[in-house]
C-alpha cells in the first residue's frame, strides 16, 4: 500500500518506540490519516500507536485537539504555531508519550502568496519535554506532497 521507503521508516519508528516503551499519537490535517495508516499498516503497531486524530477542518482542530480558534484566526491553520498546538493537543487527549502533527497545503488549490502549494508544518511534542514545529515546502502534485509529508513526519518521530 505504501512505498517501500515509508514502510521501512514506519518499521524504524515502531522499533524505536518499542525500545523506549513510548506510545505515539498523531494529529493530521493535510495527510488525512496517512501517517497513522503507514504506522498501523505494520504488524505489531498496536503496541506503539495509541491513537490518531484526523482534524481536516479548523473546527476539528479546536474541538478534538483544543487548538484555540483565536490562534487559528491569528496565524492561520497552516502555521508552525498551529502545528505545535495540534501536537500538544494530541498529547493532552491521549496516553501517548510523543505526538506528531501535520498541517499544510497539499494542493492543487488553497495556496496563497505567502503559503504556496507544498507548504507544510510538522509539529512534535514530547510529554514533559520539547514542543516545536518545522516548516517544509515539498515539490510535486497532491500525492507527492502528502507522501513527502508522511516521510518527514516519520523521520521526525524516528529521531
N, C-alpha and C. Protein backbone atom coordinates (compact mmCIF):
# COMPACT_ATOMS: atom_id res chain seq x y z
N UNK A 1 0.82 -1.18 0.00
CA UNK A 1 0.00 0.00 0.00
C UNK A 1 0.87 1.26 0.00
N UNK A 2 1.89 1.31 0.87
CA UNK A 2 2.80 2.45 0.94
C UNK A 2 4.11 2.10 0.24
N UNK A 3 4.80 3.11 -0.29
CA UNK A 3 6.11 2.85 -0.89
C UNK A 3 7.06 2.20 0.12
N UNK A 4 8.02 1.47 -0.39
CA UNK A 4 8.93 0.71 0.46
C UNK A 4 9.69 1.59 1.46
N UNK A 5 10.10 2.79 1.04
CA UNK A 5 10.85 3.65 1.97
C UNK A 5 9.97 4.09 3.14
N UNK A 6 8.70 4.30 2.92
CA UNK A 6 7.80 4.67 4.02
C UNK A 6 7.57 3.48 4.94
N UNK A 7 7.46 2.28 4.37
CA UNK A 7 7.32 1.08 5.19
C UNK A 7 8.55 0.90 6.09
N UNK A 8 9.72 1.12 5.52
CA UNK A 8 10.97 0.99 6.28
C UNK A 8 11.03 2.03 7.40
N UNK A 9 10.64 3.27 7.09
CA UNK A 9 10.60 4.31 8.12
C UNK A 9 9.61 3.97 9.23
N UNK A 10 8.43 3.51 8.84
CA UNK A 10 7.42 3.14 9.83
C UNK A 10 7.94 2.04 10.74
N UNK A 11 8.60 1.06 10.17
CA UNK A 11 9.20 -0.01 10.99
C UNK A 11 10.23 0.55 11.96
N UNK A 12 11.05 1.49 11.50
CA UNK A 12 12.08 2.09 12.35
C UNK A 12 11.45 2.87 13.50
N UNK A 13 10.38 3.61 13.21
CA UNK A 13 9.67 4.36 14.26
C UNK A 13 9.09 3.38 15.29
N UNK A 14 8.42 2.36 14.80
CA UNK A 14 7.80 1.39 15.71
C UNK A 14 8.86 0.71 16.58
N UNK A 15 9.98 0.32 15.98
CA UNK A 15 11.05 -0.33 16.75
C UNK A 15 11.61 0.62 17.80
N UNK A 16 11.87 1.88 17.41
CA UNK A 16 12.44 2.85 18.35
C UNK A 16 11.48 3.11 19.51
N UNK A 17 10.21 3.22 19.20
CA UNK A 17 9.21 3.46 20.25
C UNK A 17 9.07 2.25 21.17
N UNK A 18 9.08 1.06 20.58
CA UNK A 18 9.01 -0.15 21.41
C UNK A 18 10.22 -0.22 22.34
N UNK A 19 11.41 0.05 21.80
CA UNK A 19 12.63 0.00 22.59
C UNK A 19 12.60 1.01 23.74
N UNK A 20 11.92 2.13 23.54
CA UNK A 20 11.83 3.18 24.55
C UNK A 20 10.55 3.10 25.37
N UNK A 21 9.70 2.13 25.08
CA UNK A 21 8.40 1.99 25.74
C UNK A 21 7.58 3.27 25.65
N UNK A 22 7.54 3.85 24.45
CA UNK A 22 6.82 5.10 24.21
C UNK A 22 5.67 4.84 23.24
N UNK A 23 4.51 5.35 23.60
CA UNK A 23 3.35 5.28 22.72
C UNK A 23 3.29 6.57 21.90
N UNK A 24 2.69 6.48 20.70
CA UNK A 24 2.63 7.59 19.75
C UNK A 24 1.18 7.98 19.48
N UNK A 25 0.95 9.28 19.37
CA UNK A 25 -0.32 9.81 18.87
C UNK A 25 0.00 10.67 17.65
N UNK A 26 -0.92 10.70 16.71
CA UNK A 26 -0.74 11.53 15.51
C UNK A 26 -1.96 12.44 15.36
N UNK A 27 -1.69 13.66 14.89
CA UNK A 27 -2.75 14.63 14.61
C UNK A 27 -2.50 15.11 13.19
N UNK A 28 -3.44 14.79 12.30
CA UNK A 28 -3.21 15.03 10.88
C UNK A 28 -4.27 15.92 10.27
N UNK A 29 -3.81 16.80 9.41
CA UNK A 29 -4.71 17.60 8.60
C UNK A 29 -4.49 17.25 7.14
N UNK A 30 -3.48 17.80 6.51
CA UNK A 30 -3.29 17.62 5.06
C UNK A 30 -3.04 16.19 4.63
N UNK A 31 -2.60 15.32 5.53
CA UNK A 31 -2.36 13.92 5.18
C UNK A 31 -3.58 13.05 5.41
N UNK A 32 -4.58 13.56 6.07
CA UNK A 32 -5.84 12.85 6.21
C UNK A 32 -5.77 11.45 6.79
N UNK A 33 -4.81 11.18 7.65
CA UNK A 33 -4.70 9.86 8.27
C UNK A 33 -3.62 8.97 7.69
N UNK A 34 -2.86 9.47 6.72
CA UNK A 34 -1.83 8.64 6.09
C UNK A 34 -0.69 8.26 7.04
N UNK A 35 -0.35 9.13 7.98
CA UNK A 35 0.72 8.79 8.92
C UNK A 35 0.27 7.64 9.81
N UNK A 36 -0.92 7.77 10.37
CA UNK A 36 -1.46 6.67 11.17
C UNK A 36 -1.59 5.42 10.32
N UNK A 37 -2.01 5.59 9.07
CA UNK A 37 -2.14 4.45 8.17
C UNK A 37 -0.81 3.76 7.92
N UNK A 38 0.25 4.54 7.72
CA UNK A 38 1.57 3.97 7.48
C UNK A 38 2.06 3.20 8.70
N UNK A 39 1.82 3.75 9.87
CA UNK A 39 2.24 3.06 11.09
C UNK A 39 1.41 1.80 11.34
N UNK A 40 0.11 1.91 11.22
CA UNK A 40 -0.76 0.76 11.54
C UNK A 40 -0.79 -0.28 10.43
N UNK A 41 -0.19 0.03 9.30
CA UNK A 41 -0.04 -0.95 8.22
C UNK A 41 0.97 -2.04 8.61
N UNK A 42 1.79 -1.75 9.59
CA UNK A 42 2.84 -2.66 10.01
C UNK A 42 2.34 -3.56 11.15
N UNK A 43 2.67 -4.82 11.07
CA UNK A 43 2.28 -5.78 12.11
C UNK A 43 2.87 -5.38 13.45
N UNK A 44 2.11 -5.51 14.50
CA UNK A 44 2.57 -5.20 15.84
C UNK A 44 2.49 -3.74 16.22
N UNK A 45 1.90 -2.93 15.36
CA UNK A 45 1.85 -1.49 15.63
C UNK A 45 0.97 -1.13 16.82
N UNK A 46 0.07 -2.03 17.22
CA UNK A 46 -0.83 -1.71 18.33
C UNK A 46 -0.08 -1.54 19.65
N UNK A 47 1.14 -2.02 19.72
CA UNK A 47 1.92 -1.83 20.95
C UNK A 47 2.54 -0.43 21.02
N UNK A 48 2.43 0.33 19.93
CA UNK A 48 3.06 1.66 19.86
C UNK A 48 2.05 2.76 19.56
N UNK A 49 1.15 2.53 18.61
CA UNK A 49 0.23 3.59 18.18
C UNK A 49 -0.92 3.66 19.16
N UNK A 50 -0.98 4.77 19.89
CA UNK A 50 -2.02 4.94 20.91
C UNK A 50 -3.32 5.43 20.28
N UNK A 51 -3.24 6.46 19.42
CA UNK A 51 -4.42 6.94 18.70
C UNK A 51 -4.02 7.98 17.67
N UNK A 52 -5.00 8.26 16.79
CA UNK A 52 -4.79 9.27 15.76
C UNK A 52 -6.01 10.17 15.64
N UNK A 53 -5.74 11.40 15.24
CA UNK A 53 -6.79 12.40 15.04
C UNK A 53 -6.67 12.92 13.62
N UNK A 54 -7.75 12.84 12.85
CA UNK A 54 -7.79 13.50 11.54
C UNK A 54 -8.61 14.76 11.74
N UNK A 55 -7.92 15.88 11.72
CA UNK A 55 -8.56 17.17 12.01
C UNK A 55 -8.40 18.06 10.79
N UNK A 56 -9.15 17.74 9.78
CA UNK A 56 -9.04 18.43 8.50
C UNK A 56 -9.60 19.85 8.56
N UNK A 57 -10.65 20.05 9.30
CA UNK A 57 -11.26 21.39 9.39
C UNK A 57 -10.70 22.14 10.59
N UNK A 58 -10.83 23.45 10.56
CA UNK A 58 -10.41 24.26 11.70
C UNK A 58 -11.22 23.90 12.94
N UNK A 59 -12.51 23.64 12.75
CA UNK A 59 -13.37 23.27 13.87
C UNK A 59 -12.90 21.98 14.52
N UNK A 60 -12.47 21.03 13.72
CA UNK A 60 -11.97 19.77 14.27
C UNK A 60 -10.70 19.99 15.08
N UNK A 61 -9.84 20.85 14.59
CA UNK A 61 -8.62 21.16 15.34
C UNK A 61 -8.97 21.73 16.71
N UNK A 62 -9.97 22.59 16.75
CA UNK A 62 -10.39 23.19 18.01
C UNK A 62 -11.13 22.19 18.89
N UNK A 63 -12.12 21.51 18.33
CA UNK A 63 -12.95 20.60 19.12
C UNK A 63 -12.20 19.36 19.58
N UNK A 64 -11.41 18.75 18.71
CA UNK A 64 -10.76 17.48 19.05
C UNK A 64 -9.42 17.65 19.74
N UNK A 65 -8.70 18.72 19.41
CA UNK A 65 -7.34 18.88 19.95
C UNK A 65 -7.19 20.07 20.88
N UNK A 66 -8.22 20.91 20.97
CA UNK A 66 -8.14 22.07 21.85
C UNK A 66 -7.29 23.20 21.30
N UNK A 67 -7.04 23.21 19.98
CA UNK A 67 -6.29 24.32 19.40
C UNK A 67 -7.19 25.56 19.49
N UNK A 68 -6.72 26.62 20.11
CA UNK A 68 -7.56 27.81 20.25
C UNK A 68 -7.99 28.39 18.89
N UNK A 69 -9.26 28.65 18.74
CA UNK A 69 -9.77 29.24 17.50
C UNK A 69 -9.09 30.57 17.22
N UNK A 70 -8.77 31.29 18.28
CA UNK A 70 -8.09 32.58 18.13
C UNK A 70 -6.70 32.42 17.52
N UNK A 71 -6.03 31.33 17.86
CA UNK A 71 -4.70 31.06 17.28
C UNK A 71 -4.82 30.77 15.79
N UNK A 72 -5.81 29.97 15.42
CA UNK A 72 -6.04 29.67 14.00
C UNK A 72 -6.37 30.95 13.25
N UNK A 73 -7.21 31.79 13.86
CA UNK A 73 -7.60 33.07 13.24
C UNK A 73 -6.38 33.98 13.05
N UNK A 74 -5.52 34.03 14.06
CA UNK A 74 -4.38 34.95 14.03
C UNK A 74 -3.24 34.46 13.13
N UNK A 75 -2.94 33.16 13.17
CA UNK A 75 -1.77 32.63 12.47
C UNK A 75 -2.11 31.84 11.21
N UNK A 76 -3.36 31.39 11.12
CA UNK A 76 -3.77 30.53 10.02
C UNK A 76 -3.60 29.08 10.40
N UNK A 77 -4.45 28.23 9.84
CA UNK A 77 -4.39 26.79 10.14
C UNK A 77 -3.06 26.20 9.70
N UNK A 78 -2.49 26.75 8.64
CA UNK A 78 -1.20 26.27 8.13
C UNK A 78 -0.13 27.20 8.70
N UNK A 79 0.35 26.84 9.89
CA UNK A 79 1.36 27.65 10.58
C UNK A 79 2.10 26.77 11.58
N UNK A 80 3.29 27.20 11.94
CA UNK A 80 4.08 26.48 12.94
C UNK A 80 3.36 26.46 14.28
N UNK A 81 2.74 27.59 14.62
CA UNK A 81 2.06 27.68 15.91
C UNK A 81 0.91 26.69 16.01
N UNK A 82 0.14 26.55 14.94
CA UNK A 82 -0.98 25.61 14.96
C UNK A 82 -0.46 24.17 14.95
N UNK A 83 0.58 23.90 14.19
CA UNK A 83 1.16 22.55 14.19
C UNK A 83 1.62 22.16 15.59
N UNK A 84 2.30 23.07 16.28
CA UNK A 84 2.75 22.79 17.64
C UNK A 84 1.55 22.57 18.58
N UNK A 85 0.54 23.41 18.45
CA UNK A 85 -0.66 23.27 19.29
C UNK A 85 -1.39 21.96 19.02
N UNK A 86 -1.40 21.53 17.77
CA UNK A 86 -2.01 20.24 17.43
C UNK A 86 -1.28 19.10 18.12
N UNK A 87 0.05 19.13 18.10
CA UNK A 87 0.83 18.07 18.75
C UNK A 87 0.60 18.07 20.26
N UNK A 88 0.58 19.25 20.86
CA UNK A 88 0.30 19.36 22.30
C UNK A 88 -1.09 18.83 22.61
N UNK A 89 -2.06 19.18 21.77
CA UNK A 89 -3.42 18.71 21.97
C UNK A 89 -3.54 17.20 21.85
N UNK A 90 -2.81 16.62 20.91
CA UNK A 90 -2.83 15.16 20.76
C UNK A 90 -2.28 14.47 22.00
N UNK A 91 -1.24 15.06 22.60
CA UNK A 91 -0.73 14.50 23.85
C UNK A 91 -1.76 14.64 24.97
N UNK A 92 -2.37 15.81 25.05
CA UNK A 92 -3.34 16.07 26.12
C UNK A 92 -4.56 15.14 26.03
N UNK A 93 -4.91 14.74 24.82
CA UNK A 93 -6.11 13.91 24.61
C UNK A 93 -5.76 12.42 24.47
N UNK A 94 -4.54 12.04 24.88
CA UNK A 94 -4.12 10.65 24.74
C UNK A 94 -3.23 10.23 25.90
N UNK A 95 -2.82 8.99 25.86
CA UNK A 95 -1.87 8.46 26.84
C UNK A 95 -0.48 8.35 26.22
N UNK A 96 -0.31 8.90 25.04
CA UNK A 96 0.97 8.80 24.32
C UNK A 96 2.06 9.60 25.00
N UNK A 97 3.29 9.22 24.74
CA UNK A 97 4.45 9.95 25.24
C UNK A 97 5.00 10.92 24.23
N UNK A 98 4.64 10.72 22.97
CA UNK A 98 5.09 11.61 21.90
C UNK A 98 3.97 11.75 20.88
N UNK A 99 3.86 12.94 20.32
CA UNK A 99 2.84 13.17 19.29
C UNK A 99 3.46 13.96 18.15
N UNK A 100 3.05 13.60 16.94
CA UNK A 100 3.46 14.33 15.75
C UNK A 100 2.20 14.88 15.11
N UNK A 101 2.33 16.06 14.51
CA UNK A 101 1.18 16.68 13.85
C UNK A 101 1.62 17.25 12.51
N UNK A 102 0.65 17.34 11.59
CA UNK A 102 0.92 17.94 10.29
C UNK A 102 -0.25 18.80 9.86
N UNK A 103 0.09 19.95 9.27
CA UNK A 103 -0.90 20.83 8.69
C UNK A 103 -0.23 21.49 7.49
N UNK A 104 -0.95 21.57 6.38
CA UNK A 104 -0.32 22.14 5.20
C UNK A 104 -1.26 22.27 4.03
N UNK A 105 -0.67 22.64 2.90
CA UNK A 105 -1.41 22.84 1.66
C UNK A 105 -0.91 21.83 0.64
N UNK A 106 -1.68 20.76 0.45
CA UNK A 106 -1.28 19.71 -0.47
C UNK A 106 -1.61 20.05 -1.92
N UNK A 107 -2.54 20.96 -2.12
CA UNK A 107 -2.89 21.38 -3.48
C UNK A 107 -3.96 20.51 -4.10
N UNK A 108 -4.34 20.77 -5.31
CA UNK A 108 -3.76 21.82 -6.16
C UNK A 108 -4.22 23.22 -5.79
N UNK A 109 -5.31 23.37 -5.05
CA UNK A 109 -5.79 24.69 -4.64
C UNK A 109 -5.39 25.01 -3.22
N UNK A 110 -5.86 26.13 -2.72
CA UNK A 110 -5.66 26.51 -1.34
C UNK A 110 -4.43 27.36 -1.06
N UNK A 111 -3.59 27.56 -2.07
CA UNK A 111 -2.36 28.32 -1.86
C UNK A 111 -2.65 29.82 -1.76
N UNK A 112 -1.74 30.51 -1.10
CA UNK A 112 -1.76 31.97 -1.05
C UNK A 112 -0.37 32.45 -1.46
N UNK A 113 -0.21 33.74 -1.51
CA UNK A 113 1.09 34.31 -1.88
C UNK A 113 2.18 33.92 -0.88
N UNK A 114 1.82 33.84 0.39
CA UNK A 114 2.80 33.51 1.42
C UNK A 114 2.82 32.03 1.81
N UNK A 115 1.81 31.29 1.36
CA UNK A 115 1.75 29.86 1.67
C UNK A 115 1.46 29.09 0.39
N UNK A 116 2.52 28.70 -0.32
CA UNK A 116 2.35 28.01 -1.60
C UNK A 116 1.92 26.55 -1.43
N UNK A 117 1.46 25.96 -2.51
CA UNK A 117 1.20 24.52 -2.51
C UNK A 117 2.51 23.83 -2.12
N UNK A 118 2.40 22.87 -1.24
CA UNK A 118 3.57 22.15 -0.76
C UNK A 118 4.08 22.64 0.58
N UNK A 119 3.56 23.77 1.08
CA UNK A 119 3.97 24.29 2.39
C UNK A 119 3.31 23.45 3.47
N UNK A 120 4.14 22.91 4.34
CA UNK A 120 3.67 22.02 5.40
C UNK A 120 4.43 22.36 6.68
N UNK A 121 3.73 22.26 7.78
CA UNK A 121 4.35 22.40 9.10
C UNK A 121 4.16 21.08 9.83
N UNK A 122 5.26 20.59 10.39
CA UNK A 122 5.21 19.34 11.15
C UNK A 122 5.59 19.66 12.58
N UNK A 123 4.67 19.32 13.48
CA UNK A 123 4.88 19.57 14.90
C UNK A 123 5.25 18.30 15.63
N UNK A 124 5.94 18.48 16.73
CA UNK A 124 6.30 17.35 17.59
C UNK A 124 6.20 17.81 19.04
N UNK A 125 5.59 16.98 19.85
CA UNK A 125 5.51 17.26 21.29
C UNK A 125 5.86 15.99 22.04
N UNK A 126 6.72 16.15 23.03
CA UNK A 126 7.13 15.04 23.89
C UNK A 126 6.58 15.33 25.28
N UNK A 127 5.90 14.37 25.85
CA UNK A 127 5.30 14.58 27.18
C UNK A 127 6.39 14.96 28.18
N UNK A 128 6.19 16.11 28.81
CA UNK A 128 7.16 16.60 29.78
C UNK A 128 8.44 17.14 29.16
N UNK A 129 8.41 17.38 27.84
CA UNK A 129 9.64 17.81 27.18
C UNK A 129 9.40 18.80 26.07
N UNK A 130 10.12 18.60 24.99
CA UNK A 130 10.13 19.56 23.89
C UNK A 130 8.81 19.66 23.14
N UNK A 131 8.57 20.84 22.62
CA UNK A 131 7.44 21.11 21.73
C UNK A 131 7.97 22.04 20.65
N UNK A 132 7.65 21.74 19.42
CA UNK A 132 8.08 22.63 18.35
C UNK A 132 7.47 22.21 17.02
N UNK A 133 7.76 22.99 16.01
CA UNK A 133 7.28 22.70 14.66
C UNK A 133 8.27 23.25 13.66
N UNK A 134 8.38 22.56 12.54
CA UNK A 134 9.27 22.98 11.45
C UNK A 134 8.48 23.19 10.18
N UNK A 135 8.97 24.12 9.37
CA UNK A 135 8.35 24.42 8.07
C UNK A 135 9.06 23.65 6.97
N UNK A 136 8.26 23.13 6.05
CA UNK A 136 8.78 22.42 4.88
C UNK A 136 8.03 22.95 3.66
N UNK A 137 8.67 22.87 2.51
CA UNK A 137 7.99 23.11 1.25
C UNK A 137 8.36 21.97 0.32
N UNK A 138 7.37 21.11 0.06
CA UNK A 138 7.60 19.93 -0.76
C UNK A 138 7.14 20.17 -2.19
N UNK A 139 7.91 19.71 -3.17
CA UNK A 139 7.51 19.88 -4.57
C UNK A 139 6.54 18.78 -5.00
N UNK A 140 5.89 19.02 -6.13
CA UNK A 140 5.07 17.98 -6.74
C UNK A 140 3.58 18.21 -6.60
N UNK A 141 2.86 17.20 -7.06
CA UNK A 141 1.41 17.25 -7.01
C UNK A 141 0.91 16.85 -5.62
N UNK A 142 -0.40 16.80 -5.47
CA UNK A 142 -1.03 16.50 -4.18
C UNK A 142 -0.49 15.21 -3.56
N UNK A 143 -0.42 14.16 -4.35
CA UNK A 143 0.06 12.88 -3.82
C UNK A 143 1.52 12.98 -3.37
N UNK A 144 2.34 13.65 -4.16
CA UNK A 144 3.75 13.78 -3.82
C UNK A 144 3.93 14.58 -2.53
N UNK A 145 3.17 15.65 -2.37
CA UNK A 145 3.26 16.47 -1.16
C UNK A 145 2.82 15.65 0.05
N UNK A 146 1.74 14.94 -0.07
CA UNK A 146 1.23 14.15 1.06
C UNK A 146 2.21 13.05 1.46
N UNK A 147 2.79 12.35 0.47
CA UNK A 147 3.74 11.29 0.79
C UNK A 147 5.04 11.86 1.36
N UNK A 148 5.48 12.99 0.84
CA UNK A 148 6.68 13.63 1.40
C UNK A 148 6.43 14.06 2.84
N UNK A 149 5.23 14.49 3.14
CA UNK A 149 4.87 14.87 4.50
C UNK A 149 4.90 13.66 5.43
N UNK A 150 4.38 12.54 4.96
CA UNK A 150 4.42 11.31 5.76
C UNK A 150 5.87 10.93 6.05
N UNK A 151 6.71 10.97 5.02
CA UNK A 151 8.13 10.64 5.21
C UNK A 151 8.77 11.54 6.26
N UNK A 152 8.58 12.84 6.11
CA UNK A 152 9.19 13.80 7.03
C UNK A 152 8.68 13.62 8.46
N UNK A 153 7.39 13.36 8.60
CA UNK A 153 6.82 13.16 9.95
C UNK A 153 7.38 11.89 10.59
N UNK A 154 7.51 10.84 9.82
CA UNK A 154 8.09 9.60 10.35
C UNK A 154 9.55 9.80 10.71
N UNK A 155 10.29 10.54 9.89
CA UNK A 155 11.70 10.84 10.21
C UNK A 155 11.78 11.61 11.53
N UNK A 156 10.89 12.56 11.70
CA UNK A 156 10.85 13.36 12.93
C UNK A 156 10.57 12.46 14.14
N UNK A 157 9.62 11.55 14.00
CA UNK A 157 9.32 10.63 15.09
C UNK A 157 10.50 9.69 15.37
N UNK A 158 11.16 9.25 14.33
CA UNK A 158 12.27 8.31 14.47
C UNK A 158 13.40 8.91 15.32
N UNK A 159 13.63 10.21 15.14
CA UNK A 159 14.69 10.89 15.91
C UNK A 159 14.27 11.03 17.34
